[in-house]
Amino acid sequence: MAKSFPHSFEVCKCKHVTLGEIIYAIKEKGAKTVEDIGEITDAGTCCRCCKSADEDFGSEKMELYIDDIIKKFVK
């Protein structure tokens, strides 16, 4: 994640889940995987494009993926 994103940045457009909600799920709820994030926030449970670049089938690629966020925050 070279670019800095505000906590209000919408990572999952289908379910309207923000970066802040995903970070909260990681730091406060113990999420460690993309599946954990989906269970806690619903992010990545609809079209799944926001889960990873490999799963993004859209013509316009996402700016930020859930797996990138996990890599940054889960040690």
PDB file of N, CA and C in Angstrom:
ATOM      1  N   MET A   1       0.849  -1.181   0.000  1.00  0.00           N
ATOM      2  CA  MET A   1       0.000   0.000   0.000  1.00  0.00           C
ATOM      3  C   MET A   1       0.891   1.239   0.000  1.00  0.00           C
ATOM      4  N   ALA A   2       1.271   1.656  -1.150  1.00  0.00           N
ATOM      5  CA  ALA A   2       2.137   2.829  -1.245  1.00  0.00           C
ATOM      6  C   ALA A   2       1.345   4.111  -1.005  1.00  0.00           C
ATOM      7  N   LYS A   3       0.116   4.122  -1.459  1.00  0.00           N
ATOM      8  CA  LYS A   3      -0.727   5.297  -1.309  1.00  0.00           C
ATOM      9  C   LYS A   3      -1.384   5.303   0.070  1.00  0.00           C
ATOM     10  N   SER A   4      -1.582   6.482   0.595  1.00  0.00           N
ATOM     11  CA  SER A   4      -2.267   6.611   1.891  1.00  0.00           C
ATOM     12  C   SER A   4      -3.759   6.809   1.648  1.00  0.00           C
ATOM     13  N   PHE A   5      -4.572   6.029   2.321  1.00  0.00           N
ATOM     14  CA  PHE A   5      -6.020   6.098   2.163  1.00  0.00           C
ATOM     15  C   PHE A   5      -6.655   6.550   3.477  1.00  0.00           C
ATOM     16  N   PRO A   6      -7.701   7.383   3.418  1.00  0.00           N
ATOM     17  CA  PRO A   6      -8.400   7.765   4.652  1.00  0.00           C
ATOM     18  C   PRO A   6      -9.236   6.586   5.161  1.00  0.00           C
ATOM     19  N   HIS A   7      -9.534   6.580   6.422  1.00  0.00           N
ATOM     20  CA  HIS A   7     -10.352   5.503   7.003  1.00  0.00           C
ATOM     21  C   HIS A   7     -11.745   5.454   6.381  1.00  0.00           C
ATOM     22  N   SER A   8     -12.183   6.541   5.776  1.00  0.00           N
ATOM     23  CA  SER A   8     -13.502   6.584   5.143  1.00  0.00           C
ATOM     24  C   SER A   8     -13.488   6.008   3.721  1.00  0.00           C
ATOM     25  N   PHE A   9     -12.318   5.604   3.219  1.00  0.00           N
ATOM     26  CA  PHE A   9     -12.215   5.047   1.868  1.00  0.00           C
ATOM     27  C   PHE A   9     -13.013   3.747   1.785  1.00  0.00           C
ATOM     28  N   GLU A  10     -13.885   3.657   0.790  1.00  0.00           N
ATOM     29  CA  GLU A  10     -14.743   2.484   0.619  1.00  0.00           C
ATOM     30  C   GLU A  10     -13.976   1.380  -0.109  1.00  0.00           C
ATOM     31  N   VAL A  11     -13.628   0.336   0.607  1.00  0.00           N
ATOM     32  CA  VAL A  11     -12.882  -0.790   0.044  1.00  0.00           C
ATOM     33  C   VAL A  11     -13.835  -1.722  -0.693  1.00  0.00           C
ATOM     34  N   CYS A  12     -14.941  -2.069  -0.062  1.00  0.00           N
ATOM     35  CA  CYS A  12     -15.951  -2.952  -0.663  1.00  0.00           C
ATOM     36  C   CYS A  12     -17.132  -2.098  -1.107  1.00  0.00           C
ATOM     37  N   LYS A  13     -17.243  -1.932  -2.406  1.00  0.00           N
ATOM     38  CA  LYS A  13     -18.303  -1.070  -2.941  1.00  0.00           C
ATOM     39  C   LYS A  13     -19.668  -1.743  -2.883  1.00  0.00           C
ATOM     40  N   CYS A  14     -19.715  -3.056  -2.988  1.00  0.00           N
ATOM     41  CA  CYS A  14     -21.001  -3.771  -2.944  1.00  0.00           C
ATOM     42  C   CYS A  14     -21.670  -3.630  -1.578  1.00  0.00           C
ATOM     43  N   LYS A  15     -20.886  -3.784  -0.527  1.00  0.00           N
ATOM     44  CA  LYS A  15     -21.428  -3.763   0.836  1.00  0.00           C
ATOM     45  C   LYS A  15     -21.121  -2.460   1.571  1.00  0.00           C
ATOM     46  N   HIS A  16     -20.457  -1.516   0.880  1.00  0.00           N
ATOM     47  CA  HIS A  16     -20.139  -0.191   1.436  1.00  0.00           C
ATOM     48  C   HIS A  16     -19.328  -0.283   2.732  1.00  0.00           C
ATOM     49  N   VAL A  17     -18.272  -1.108   2.691  1.00  0.00           N
ATOM     50  CA  VAL A  17     -17.408  -1.295   3.860  1.00  0.00           C
ATOM     51  C   VAL A  17     -16.153  -0.440   3.677  1.00  0.00           C
ATOM     52  N   THR A  18     -15.843   0.332   4.702  1.00  0.00           N
ATOM     53  CA  THR A  18     -14.711   1.254   4.623  1.00  0.00           C
ATOM     54  C   THR A  18     -13.419   0.630   5.157  1.00  0.00           C
ATOM     55  N   LEU A  19     -12.323   1.283   4.839  1.00  0.00           N
ATOM     56  CA  LEU A  19     -11.020   0.877   5.351  1.00  0.00           C
ATOM     57  C   LEU A  19     -11.029   0.886   6.874  1.00  0.00           C
ATOM     58  N   GLY A  20     -11.625   1.900   7.467  1.00  0.00           N
ATOM     59  CA  GLY A  20     -11.698   1.996   8.924  1.00  0.00           C
ATOM     60  C   GLY A  20     -12.411   0.813   9.544  1.00  0.00           C
ATOM     61  N   GLU A  21     -13.486   0.354   8.918  1.00  0.00           N
ATOM     62  CA  GLU A  21     -14.219  -0.809   9.431  1.00  0.00           C
ATOM     63  C   GLU A  21     -13.370  -2.075   9.343  1.00  0.00           C
ATOM     64  N   ILE A  22     -12.590  -2.194   8.281  1.00  0.00           N
ATOM     65  CA  ILE A  22     -11.731  -3.363   8.122  1.00  0.00           C
ATOM     66  C   ILE A  22     -10.596  -3.329   9.137  1.00  0.00           C
ATOM     67  N   ILE A  23     -10.000  -2.171   9.331  1.00  0.00           N
ATOM     68  CA  ILE A  23      -8.937  -2.040  10.335  1.00  0.00           C
ATOM     69  C   ILE A  23      -9.484  -2.346  11.727  1.00  0.00           C
ATOM     70  N   TYR A  24     -10.686  -1.877  12.035  1.00  0.00           N
ATOM     71  CA  TYR A  24     -11.323  -2.172  13.318  1.00  0.00           C
ATOM     72  C   TYR A  24     -11.511  -3.681  13.481  1.00  0.00           C
ATOM     73  N   ALA A  25     -11.959  -4.348  12.409  1.00  0.00           N
ATOM     74  CA  ALA A  25     -12.161  -5.800  12.471  1.00  0.00           C
ATOM     75  C   ALA A  25     -10.845  -6.521  12.757  1.00  0.00           C
ATOM     76  N   ILE A  26      -9.759  -6.009  12.223  1.00  0.00           N
ATOM     77  CA  ILE A  26      -8.452  -6.620  12.447  1.00  0.00           C
ATOM     78  C   ILE A  26      -7.958  -6.335  13.862  1.00  0.00           C
ATOM     79  N   LYS A  27      -7.949  -5.071  14.227  1.00  0.00           N
ATOM     80  CA  LYS A  27      -7.356  -4.674  15.510  1.00  0.00           C
ATOM     81  C   LYS A  27      -8.218  -5.003  16.721  1.00  0.00           C
ATOM     82  N   GLU A  28      -9.514  -4.852  16.601  1.00  0.00           N
ATOM     83  CA  GLU A  28     -10.397  -5.024  17.760  1.00  0.00           C
ATOM     84  C   GLU A  28     -11.146  -6.352  17.792  1.00  0.00           C
ATOM     85  N   LYS A  29     -11.401  -6.925  16.639  1.00  0.00           N
ATOM     86  CA  LYS A  29     -12.182  -8.168  16.579  1.00  0.00           C
ATOM     87  C   LYS A  29     -11.330  -9.391  16.261  1.00  0.00           C
ATOM     88  N   GLY A  30     -10.022  -9.178  16.004  1.00  0.00           N
ATOM     89  CA  GLY A  30      -9.114 -10.298  15.802  1.00  0.00           C
ATOM     90  C   GLY A  30      -9.124 -10.934  14.430  1.00  0.00           C
ATOM     91  N   ALA A  31      -9.659 -10.259  13.423  1.00  0.00           N
ATOM     92  CA  ALA A  31      -9.672 -10.809  12.068  1.00  0.00           C
ATOM     93  C   ALA A  31      -8.242 -10.997  11.565  1.00  0.00           C
ATOM     94  N   LYS A  32      -7.984 -12.152  10.965  1.00  0.00           N
ATOM     95  CA  LYS A  32      -6.643 -12.456  10.458  1.00  0.00           C
ATOM     96  C   LYS A  32      -6.648 -12.870   8.993  1.00  0.00           C
ATOM     97  N   THR A  33      -7.832 -13.152   8.451  1.00  0.00           N
ATOM     98  CA  THR A  33      -7.940 -13.609   7.063  1.00  0.00           C
ATOM     99  C   THR A  33      -9.022 -12.817   6.335  1.00  0.00           C
ATOM    100  N   VAL A  34      -9.022 -12.950   5.013  1.00  0.00           N
ATOM    101  CA  VAL A  34     -10.063 -12.316   4.201  1.00  0.00           C
ATOM    102  C   VAL A  34     -11.431 -12.867   4.608  1.00  0.00           C
ATOM    103  N   GLU A  35     -11.475 -14.146   4.921  1.00  0.00           N
ATOM    104  CA  GLU A  35     -12.740 -14.770   5.338  1.00  0.00           C
ATOM    105  C   GLU A  35     -13.222 -14.186   6.660  1.00  0.00           C
ATOM    106  N   ASP A  36     -12.292 -13.963   7.598  1.00  0.00           N
ATOM    107  CA  ASP A  36     -12.647 -13.325   8.880  1.00  0.00           C
ATOM    108  C   ASP A  36     -13.248 -11.945   8.632  1.00  0.00           C
ATOM    109  N   ILE A  37     -12.620 -11.185   7.753  1.00  0.00           N
ATOM    110  CA  ILE A  37     -13.115  -9.836   7.425  1.00  0.00           C
ATOM    111  C   ILE A  37     -14.533  -9.934   6.874  1.00  0.00           C
ATOM    112  N   GLY A  38     -14.768 -10.895   6.006  1.00  0.00           N
ATOM    113  CA  GLY A  38     -16.103 -11.089   5.429  1.00  0.00           C
ATOM    114  C   GLY A  38     -17.146 -11.427   6.475  1.00  0.00           C
ATOM    115  N   GLU A  39     -16.773 -12.282   7.427  1.00  0.00           N
ATOM    116  CA  GLU A  39     -17.714 -12.668   8.483  1.00  0.00           C
ATOM    117  C   GLU A  39     -18.050 -11.485   9.392  1.00  0.00           C
ATOM    118  N   ILE A  40     -17.073 -10.658   9.674  1.00  0.00           N
ATOM    119  CA  ILE A  40     -17.279  -9.542  10.603  1.00  0.00           C
ATOM    120  C   ILE A  40     -17.921  -8.327   9.927  1.00  0.00           C
ATOM    121  N   THR A  41     -17.512  -8.027   8.689  1.00  0.00           N
ATOM    122  CA  THR A  41     -17.956  -6.779   8.051  1.00  0.00           C
ATOM    123  C   THR A  41     -18.833  -6.975   6.822  1.00  0.00           C
ATOM    124  N   ASP A  42     -18.889  -8.167   6.269  1.00  0.00           N
ATOM    125  CA  ASP A  42     -19.553  -8.488   4.998  1.00  0.00           C
ATOM    126  C   ASP A  42     -18.727  -8.089   3.781  1.00  0.00           C
ATOM    127  N   ALA A  43     -17.579  -7.470   3.966  1.00  0.00           N
ATOM    128  CA  ALA A  43     -16.730  -7.080   2.829  1.00  0.00           C
ATOM    129  C   ALA A  43     -16.265  -8.323   2.088  1.00  0.00           C
ATOM    130  N   GLY A  44     -16.301  -8.255   0.770  1.00  0.00           N
ATOM    131  CA  GLY A  44     -15.827  -9.360  -0.053  1.00  0.00           C
ATOM    132  C   GLY A  44     -16.779 -10.522  -0.180  1.00  0.00           C
ATOM    133  N   THR A  45     -18.025 -10.353   0.254  1.00  0.00           N
ATOM    134  CA  THR A  45     -18.975 -11.467   0.220  1.00  0.00           C
ATOM    135  C   THR A  45     -19.959 -11.388  -0.941  1.00  0.00           C
ATOM    136  N   CYS A  46     -19.880 -10.351  -1.738  1.00  0.00           N
ATOM    137  CA  CYS A  46     -20.824 -10.217  -2.854  1.00  0.00           C
ATOM    138  C   CYS A  46     -20.114 -10.584  -4.168  1.00  0.00           C
ATOM    139  N   CYS A  47     -19.531  -9.616  -4.854  1.00  0.00           N
ATOM    140  CA  CYS A  47     -18.854  -9.915  -6.122  1.00  0.00           C
ATOM    141  C   CYS A  47     -17.431 -10.419  -5.913  1.00  0.00           C
ATOM    142  N   ARG A  48     -16.851 -10.164  -4.764  1.00  0.00           N
ATOM    143  CA  ARG A  48     -15.528 -10.627  -4.337  1.00  0.00           C
ATOM    144  C   ARG A  48     -14.362  -9.930  -5.028  1.00  0.00           C
ATOM    145  N   CYS A  49     -14.602  -8.897  -5.818  1.00  0.00           N
ATOM    146  CA  CYS A  49     -13.512  -8.184  -6.495  1.00  0.00           C
ATOM    147  C   CYS A  49     -12.568  -7.512  -5.506  1.00  0.00           C
ATOM    148  N   CYS A  50     -13.047  -7.127  -4.349  1.00  0.00           N
ATOM    149  CA  CYS A  50     -12.225  -6.400  -3.380  1.00  0.00           C
ATOM    150  C   CYS A  50     -11.336  -7.313  -2.545  1.00  0.00           C
ATOM    151  N   LYS A  51     -11.485  -8.617  -2.680  1.00  0.00           N
ATOM    152  CA  LYS A  51     -10.696  -9.549  -1.864  1.00  0.00           C
ATOM    153  C   LYS A  51      -9.223  -9.526  -2.238  1.00  0.00           C
ATOM    154  N   SER A  52      -8.915  -9.594  -3.539  1.00  0.00           N
ATOM    155  CA  SER A  52      -7.521  -9.588  -3.996  1.00  0.00           C
ATOM    156  C   SER A  52      -7.474  -9.226  -5.473  1.00  0.00           C
ATOM    157  N   ALA A  53      -6.300  -8.847  -5.931  1.00  0.00           N
ATOM    158  CA  ALA A  53      -6.130  -8.507  -7.343  1.00  0.00           C
ATOM    159  C   ALA A  53      -6.424  -9.717  -8.227  1.00  0.00           C
ATOM    160  N   ASP A  54      -6.121 -10.913  -7.738  1.00  0.00           N
ATOM    161  CA  ASP A  54      -6.369 -12.136  -8.504  1.00  0.00           C
ATOM    162  C   ASP A  54      -7.863 -12.395  -8.719  1.00  0.00           C
ATOM    163  N   GLU A  55      -8.686 -11.953  -7.766  1.00  0.00           N
ATOM    164  CA  GLU A  55     -10.131 -12.192  -7.870  1.00  0.00           C
ATOM    165  C   GLU A  55     -10.882 -11.024  -8.500  1.00  0.00           C
ATOM    166  N   ASP A  56     -10.176  -9.943  -8.807  1.00  0.00           N
ATOM    167  CA  ASP A  56     -10.799  -8.752  -9.389  1.00  0.00           C
ATOM    168  C   ASP A  56     -10.988  -8.954 -10.886  1.00  0.00           C
ATOM    169  N   PHE A  57     -12.231  -9.169 -11.300  1.00  0.00           N
ATOM    170  CA  PHE A  57     -12.529  -9.405 -12.708  1.00  0.00           C
ATOM    171  C   PHE A  57     -13.042  -8.153 -13.410  1.00  0.00           C
ATOM    172  N   GLY A  58     -13.135  -7.042 -12.688  1.00  0.00           N
ATOM    173  CA  GLY A  58     -13.660  -5.810 -13.261  1.00  0.00           C
ATOM    174  C   GLY A  58     -12.717  -5.180 -14.271  1.00  0.00           C
ATOM    175  N   SER A  59     -13.276  -4.368 -15.158  1.00  0.00           N
ATOM    176  CA  SER A  59     -12.448  -3.697 -16.166  1.00  0.00           C
ATOM    177  C   SER A  59     -11.588  -2.607 -15.531  1.00  0.00           C
ATOM    178  N   GLU A  60     -12.100  -1.994 -14.482  1.00  0.00           N
ATOM    179  CA  GLU A  60     -11.331  -1.015 -13.717  1.00  0.00           C
ATOM    180  C   GLU A  60     -10.912  -1.675 -12.414  1.00  0.00           C
ATOM    181  N   LYS A  61      -9.621  -1.841 -12.234  1.00  0.00           N
ATOM    182  CA  LYS A  61      -9.117  -2.518 -11.037  1.00  0.00           C
ATOM    183  C   LYS A  61      -9.332  -1.652  -9.794  1.00  0.00           C
ATOM    184  N   MET A  62      -9.503  -2.317  -8.667  1.00  0.00           N
ATOM    185  CA  MET A  62      -9.683  -1.634  -7.384  1.00  0.00           C
ATOM    186  C   MET A  62      -8.379  -0.952  -6.992  1.00  0.00           C
ATOM    187  N   GLU A  63      -8.464   0.069  -6.164  1.00  0.00           N
ATOM    188  CA  GLU A  63      -7.269   0.754  -5.681  1.00  0.00           C
ATOM    189  C   GLU A  63      -6.664   0.057  -4.468  1.00  0.00           C
ATOM    190  N   LEU A  64      -7.491  -0.656  -3.721  1.00  0.00           N
ATOM    191  CA  LEU A  64      -7.056  -1.272  -2.479  1.00  0.00           C
ATOM    192  C   LEU A  64      -7.826  -2.574  -2.283  1.00  0.00           C
ATOM    193  N   TYR A  65      -7.100  -3.629  -1.909  1.00  0.00           N
ATOM    194  CA  TYR A  65      -7.713  -4.942  -1.717  1.00  0.00           C
ATOM    195  C   TYR A  65      -7.609  -5.365  -0.254  1.00  0.00           C
ATOM    196  N   ILE A  66      -8.581  -6.176   0.167  1.00  0.00           N
ATOM    197  CA  ILE A  66      -8.613  -6.645   1.546  1.00  0.00           C
ATOM    198  C   ILE A  66      -7.332  -7.403   1.899  1.00  0.00           C
ATOM    199  N   ASP A  67      -6.844  -8.249   0.986  1.00  0.00           N
ATOM    200  CA  ASP A  67      -5.634  -9.010   1.324  1.00  0.00           C
ATOM    201  C   ASP A  67      -4.418  -8.099   1.513  1.00  0.00           C
ATOM    202  N   ASP A  68      -4.370  -6.962   0.825  1.00  0.00           N
ATOM    203  CA  ASP A  68      -3.280  -5.994   1.041  1.00  0.00           C
ATOM    204  C   ASP A  68      -3.376  -5.362   2.420  1.00  0.00           C
ATOM    205  N   ILE A  69      -4.581  -5.078   2.858  1.00  0.00           N
ATOM    206  CA  ILE A  69      -4.800  -4.487   4.181  1.00  0.00           C
ATOM    207  C   ILE A  69      -4.368  -5.485   5.259  1.00  0.00           C
ATOM    208  N   ILE A  70      -4.742  -6.733   5.086  1.00  0.00           N
ATOM    209  CA  ILE A  70      -4.360  -7.770   6.050  1.00  0.00           C
ATOM    210  C   ILE A  70      -2.844  -7.899   6.120  1.00  0.00           C
ATOM    211  N   LYS A  71      -2.185  -7.898   4.978  1.00  0.00           N
ATOM    212  CA  LYS A  71      -0.721  -8.003   4.963  1.00  0.00           C
ATOM    213  C   LYS A  71      -0.062  -6.872   5.732  1.00  0.00           C
ATOM    214  N   LYS A  72      -0.674  -5.696   5.690  1.00  0.00           N
ATOM    215  CA  LYS A  72      -0.094  -4.535   6.372  1.00  0.00           C
ATOM    216  C   LYS A  72      -0.338  -4.585   7.888  1.00  0.00           C
ATOM    217  N   PHE A  73      -1.508  -5.044   8.320  1.00  0.00           N
ATOM    218  CA  PHE A  73      -1.892  -4.948   9.723  1.00  0.00           C
ATOM    219  C   PHE A  73      -1.774  -6.235  10.531  1.00  0.00           C
ATOM    220  N   VAL A  74      -1.811  -7.385   9.893  1.00  0.00           N
ATOM    221  CA  VAL A  74      -1.733  -8.655  10.622  1.00  0.00           C
ATOM    222  C   VAL A  74      -0.283  -9.138  10.582  1.00  0.00           C
ATOM    223  N   LYS A  75       0.296  -9.262  11.750  1.00  0.00           N
ATOM    224  CA  LYS A  75       1.712  -9.688  11.843  1.00  0.00           C
ATOM    225  C   LYS A  75       1.791 -11.099  12.359  1.00  0.00           C
TER     226      LYS A  75
END
